[in-house]
Amino acid sequence: MPTETLFRRLQLADKYVQIEFEGTPLTVPADVSLAAALLTHDLGATRESAINGRPGAAYCMMGVCFECLVEVDGQANCQACLIQVVEGMRVRRQRGARDLLIGGQGDE
């Protein structure tokens, strides 16, 4: 049985927004999570493991696995599956471990 008859791209939204991923402008469906929006484009890995550099991307889509960590508008450690996409959002791959800011330390 041919697989092309089993799979088809769904109309995701009536409204779309523009975001930027790694400096490349993307048109993505509005009113979806950032992880879902990124998955609509074949971007490959959106993060690298802090332990061994292994590539990763959204997996569970509900905030449990942390495979969807990205940097959003300069803020590291953002779970893309828990963030709603908004117009003008600037997203970068999270590469390795990021510093945690505790009590305002590290704001130099």
Protein backbone atom coordinates (compact mmCIF):
# COMPACT_ATOMS: atom_id res chain seq x y z
CA MET A 1 0.00 0.00 0.00
CA PRO A 2 1.49 3.40 -0.93
CA THR A 3 2.16 5.60 2.10
CA GLU A 4 1.44 8.91 0.36
CA THR A 5 -2.28 8.16 0.66
CA LEU A 6 -1.96 7.63 4.44
CA PHE A 7 -0.34 10.94 5.32
CA ARG A 8 -1.29 14.47 4.44
CA ARG A 9 -0.37 17.87 5.88
CA LEU A 10 -3.17 19.33 7.95
CA GLN A 11 -4.26 22.95 7.72
CA LEU A 12 -2.85 24.10 11.07
CA ALA A 13 -4.28 27.57 11.37
CA ASP A 14 -6.11 30.39 9.68
CA LYS A 15 -3.69 32.91 11.16
CA TYR A 16 0.11 32.89 10.98
CA VAL A 17 2.88 34.95 12.63
CA GLN A 18 6.49 35.67 11.80
CA ILE A 19 9.26 34.50 14.13
CA GLU A 20 13.00 34.17 13.70
CA PHE A 21 14.92 30.93 14.26
CA GLU A 22 18.73 31.14 14.22
CA GLY A 23 18.43 34.34 12.20
CA THR A 24 16.10 32.83 9.58
CA PRO A 25 12.57 34.26 9.34
CA LEU A 26 9.81 31.64 9.63
CA THR A 27 6.08 31.88 9.12
CA VAL A 28 4.40 29.68 11.72
CA PRO A 29 0.83 29.00 12.84
CA ALA A 30 -0.43 31.39 15.52
CA ASP A 31 -1.97 30.08 18.73
CA VAL A 32 0.22 26.97 19.00
CA SER A 33 3.20 26.17 21.20
CA LEU A 34 6.63 27.21 20.01
CA ALA A 35 7.63 23.53 19.85
CA ALA A 36 4.68 22.73 17.55
CA ALA A 37 5.48 25.75 15.40
CA LEU A 38 9.13 24.71 15.05
CA LEU A 39 8.11 21.16 14.18
CA THR A 40 6.13 22.46 11.18
CA HIS A 41 9.52 23.35 9.64
CA ASP A 42 12.18 20.69 9.07
CA LEU A 43 14.78 22.29 11.37
CA GLY A 44 16.32 19.16 12.83
CA ALA A 45 17.68 19.44 16.36
CA THR A 46 16.70 22.50 18.36
CA ARG A 47 19.07 21.83 21.29
CA GLU A 48 22.27 20.07 22.29
CA SER A 49 22.58 18.06 25.49
CA ALA A 50 24.50 19.71 28.32
CA ILE A 51 26.09 16.34 29.14
CA ASN A 52 27.37 15.02 25.83
CA GLY A 53 26.28 17.42 23.06
CA ARG A 54 23.67 14.96 21.75
CA PRO A 55 21.13 16.71 19.50
CA GLY A 56 17.52 16.86 20.64
CA ALA A 57 14.14 18.28 19.72
CA ALA A 58 10.60 18.38 21.10
CA TYR A 59 9.47 14.95 22.24
CA CYS A 60 6.74 14.76 24.89
CA MET A 61 5.07 18.13 24.07
CA MET A 62 3.88 18.52 27.70
CA GLY A 63 6.85 19.83 29.68
CA VAL A 64 8.17 16.58 31.12
CA CYS A 65 11.23 15.61 29.07
CA PHE A 66 13.04 18.99 28.59
CA GLU A 67 14.13 17.94 25.07
CA CYS A 68 12.62 21.13 23.63
CA LEU A 69 14.86 23.63 25.49
CA VAL A 70 15.63 26.70 23.38
CA GLU A 71 16.72 30.28 23.88
CA VAL A 72 13.85 32.76 23.37
CA ASP A 73 14.54 36.48 23.05
CA GLY A 74 17.87 36.02 24.86
CA GLN A 75 16.41 33.92 27.71
CA ALA A 76 17.98 30.44 27.93
CA ASN A 77 16.38 27.24 29.26
CA CYS A 78 12.92 27.89 27.78
CA GLN A 79 10.70 24.85 27.26
CA ALA A 80 9.31 25.45 23.78
CA CYS A 81 6.35 23.13 24.36
CA LEU A 82 5.09 25.36 27.20
CA ILE A 83 5.44 28.71 25.40
CA GLN A 84 2.83 30.06 23.02
CA VAL A 85 4.30 31.49 19.83
CA VAL A 86 4.06 35.27 19.41
CA GLU A 87 4.83 37.65 16.57
CA GLY A 88 8.49 38.69 16.37
CA MET A 89 9.81 36.03 18.75
CA ARG A 90 13.57 35.41 18.29
CA VAL A 91 14.56 31.79 18.92
CA ARG A 92 17.98 30.15 18.97
CA ARG A 93 19.13 26.58 19.53
CA GLN A 94 20.19 25.89 23.10
CA ARG A 95 23.75 24.63 22.94
CA GLY A 96 24.89 22.82 26.08
CA ALA A 97 24.33 23.98 29.64
CA ARG A 98 23.30 27.53 30.41
CA ASP A 99 24.00 29.48 33.57
CA LEU A 100 21.18 29.89 36.03
CA LEU A 101 20.75 33.39 37.41
CA ILE A 102 20.12 33.15 41.14
CA GLY A 103 19.27 36.25 43.14
CA GLY A 104 20.41 38.60 40.38
CA GLN A 105 23.95 37.19 40.26
CA GLY A 106 25.55 37.02 36.85
CA ASP A 107 23.68 40.01 35.38
CA GLU A 108 26.86 41.66 34.09
